[in-house]
C-alpha cells in the first residue's frame, strides 16, 4: 500500500512524450516494464567506475541503474512506466523550460 504524494506541478505533454520515448527505447521487449534483460545492449556499463575497477558485475551495474527509477516502496528490479514518469517528474520540477528538459532527455538517452 504505497502512498504516492505528488507535490510536483503537472508536466507538459511535451515532457511526457520525451519521457515515454526514453522509456520505449529502454523497454526493448515492449512489455511496459524495464528489466535487466531490457538494458543489455542498450545501456553500456563499460565506463561505469565500479565495473571498470572490478567491484561490480554487469548485472550489478544494471540493478543499481534500475534502482534509481524503482519506487522506494517496491524495490523489485523492474521499472514500470509510472515509476519512470514519477522519477522524471522529480527531475522536471527543477528544470524551468520544456526545451531545456527535452534537450537534456535527448542527450541522456540519444533520442
Protein backbone atom coordinates (compact mmCIF):
# COMPACT_ATOMS: atom_id res chain seq x y z
CA UNK A 1 0.00 0.00 0.00
CA UNK A 2 2.33 2.72 -1.25
CA UNK A 3 1.36 6.32 -0.88
CA UNK A 4 2.26 8.46 -3.86
CA UNK A 5 2.34 12.04 -2.73
CA UNK A 6 2.96 14.19 -5.76
CA UNK A 7 3.81 17.76 -4.95
CA UNK A 8 5.33 18.48 -8.34
CA UNK A 9 3.45 20.61 -10.82
CA UNK A 10 1.93 18.54 -13.61
CA UNK A 11 4.28 18.01 -16.55
CA UNK A 12 3.51 19.31 -20.01
CA UNK A 13 2.62 16.84 -22.76
CA UNK A 14 5.91 17.65 -24.49
CA UNK A 15 7.79 16.45 -21.41
CA UNK A 16 5.64 13.35 -21.03
CA UNK A 17 6.22 12.46 -24.68
CA UNK A 18 10.01 12.64 -24.45
CA UNK A 19 9.96 10.61 -21.21
CA UNK A 20 7.87 7.95 -22.96
CA UNK A 21 10.33 7.91 -25.87
CA UNK A 22 13.16 7.21 -23.44
CA UNK A 23 11.08 4.53 -21.71
CA UNK A 24 10.25 2.84 -25.00
CA UNK A 25 13.89 2.89 -26.06
CA UNK A 26 14.86 1.12 -22.83
CA UNK A 27 11.91 -1.27 -22.85
CA UNK A 28 13.27 -3.47 -25.63
CA UNK A 29 10.72 -6.23 -25.08
CA UNK A 30 7.85 -3.72 -25.24
CA UNK A 31 6.03 -5.17 -22.23
CA UNK A 32 5.74 -1.87 -20.35
CA UNK A 33 8.38 -2.79 -17.77
CA UNK A 34 12.13 -2.16 -17.87
CA UNK A 35 14.20 -5.08 -16.54
CA UNK A 36 17.86 -6.07 -16.57
CA UNK A 37 17.19 -8.04 -19.76
CA UNK A 38 15.95 -4.87 -21.47
CA UNK A 39 19.12 -2.99 -20.54
CA UNK A 40 21.53 -5.44 -22.15
CA UNK A 41 22.88 -3.82 -25.31
CA UNK A 42 21.12 -0.50 -24.62
CA UNK A 43 22.95 0.68 -21.53
CA UNK A 44 26.74 0.43 -21.77
CA UNK A 45 28.36 -0.46 -18.44
CA UNK A 46 31.97 -0.34 -19.68
CA UNK A 47 32.54 3.20 -18.42
CA UNK A 48 30.87 2.70 -15.05
CA UNK A 49 33.59 3.26 -12.40
CA UNK A 50 32.57 0.25 -10.28
CA UNK A 51 32.56 -2.01 -13.35
CA UNK A 52 35.93 -0.67 -14.51
CA UNK A 53 37.62 -1.33 -11.17
CA UNK A 54 36.08 -4.80 -10.87
CA UNK A 55 33.80 -4.11 -7.86
CA UNK A 56 30.58 -4.86 -9.74
CA UNK A 57 29.45 -7.25 -12.44
CA UNK A 58 27.42 -6.01 -15.40
CA UNK A 59 24.23 -7.19 -13.69
CA UNK A 60 25.07 -5.25 -10.52
CA UNK A 61 25.51 -2.07 -12.57
CA UNK A 62 22.13 -2.71 -14.25
CA UNK A 63 20.45 -3.29 -10.89
CA UNK A 64 21.85 -0.05 -9.47
CA UNK A 65 20.68 1.78 -12.59
CA UNK A 66 17.16 0.37 -12.24
CA UNK A 67 17.10 1.23 -8.54
CA UNK A 68 17.37 4.93 -9.45
CA UNK A 69 13.94 4.70 -11.02
CA UNK A 70 12.37 1.93 -8.94
CA UNK A 71 9.74 3.02 -6.45
CA UNK A 72 11.27 3.25 -2.95
CA UNK A 73 8.31 1.22 -1.62
CA UNK A 74 8.69 -1.54 -4.17
CA UNK A 75 12.32 -2.34 -4.99
CA UNK A 76 11.75 -5.22 -7.38
CA UNK A 77 14.37 -4.52 -10.05
CA UNK A 78 11.58 -3.76 -12.51
CA UNK A 79 10.70 -0.24 -13.54
CA UNK A 80 7.16 0.47 -14.68
CA UNK A 81 6.06 3.38 -16.86
CA UNK A 82 4.58 5.01 -13.77
CA UNK A 83 7.81 4.69 -11.78
CA UNK A 84 9.80 6.11 -14.69
CA UNK A 85 7.35 9.04 -15.02
CA UNK A 86 7.45 9.69 -11.27
CA UNK A 87 11.23 9.78 -11.30
CA UNK A 88 11.27 12.30 -14.14
CA UNK A 89 8.51 14.36 -12.53
CA UNK A 90 11.05 14.99 -9.77
CA UNK A 91 13.75 15.93 -12.28
CA UNK A 92 11.28 18.02 -14.26
CA UNK A 93 10.36 20.14 -11.26
CA UNK A 94 13.88 21.59 -11.17
CA UNK A 95 14.02 22.45 -14.89
CA UNK A 96 12.24 25.61 -15.95
CA UNK A 97 11.70 25.24 -19.66
CA UNK A 98 10.35 22.39 -21.76
CA UNK A 99 13.04 22.98 -24.36
CA UNK A 100 15.84 22.54 -21.85
CA UNK A 101 14.20 19.43 -20.40
CA UNK A 102 13.79 17.90 -23.86
CA UNK A 103 17.42 18.64 -24.82
CA UNK A 104 18.59 17.04 -21.57
CA UNK A 105 16.49 13.91 -22.26
CA UNK A 106 17.65 13.66 -25.86
CA UNK A 107 21.29 13.89 -24.81
CA UNK A 108 20.88 11.46 -21.93
CA UNK A 109 19.11 8.81 -23.98
CA UNK A 110 20.41 9.60 -27.50
CA UNK A 111 16.84 10.07 -28.77
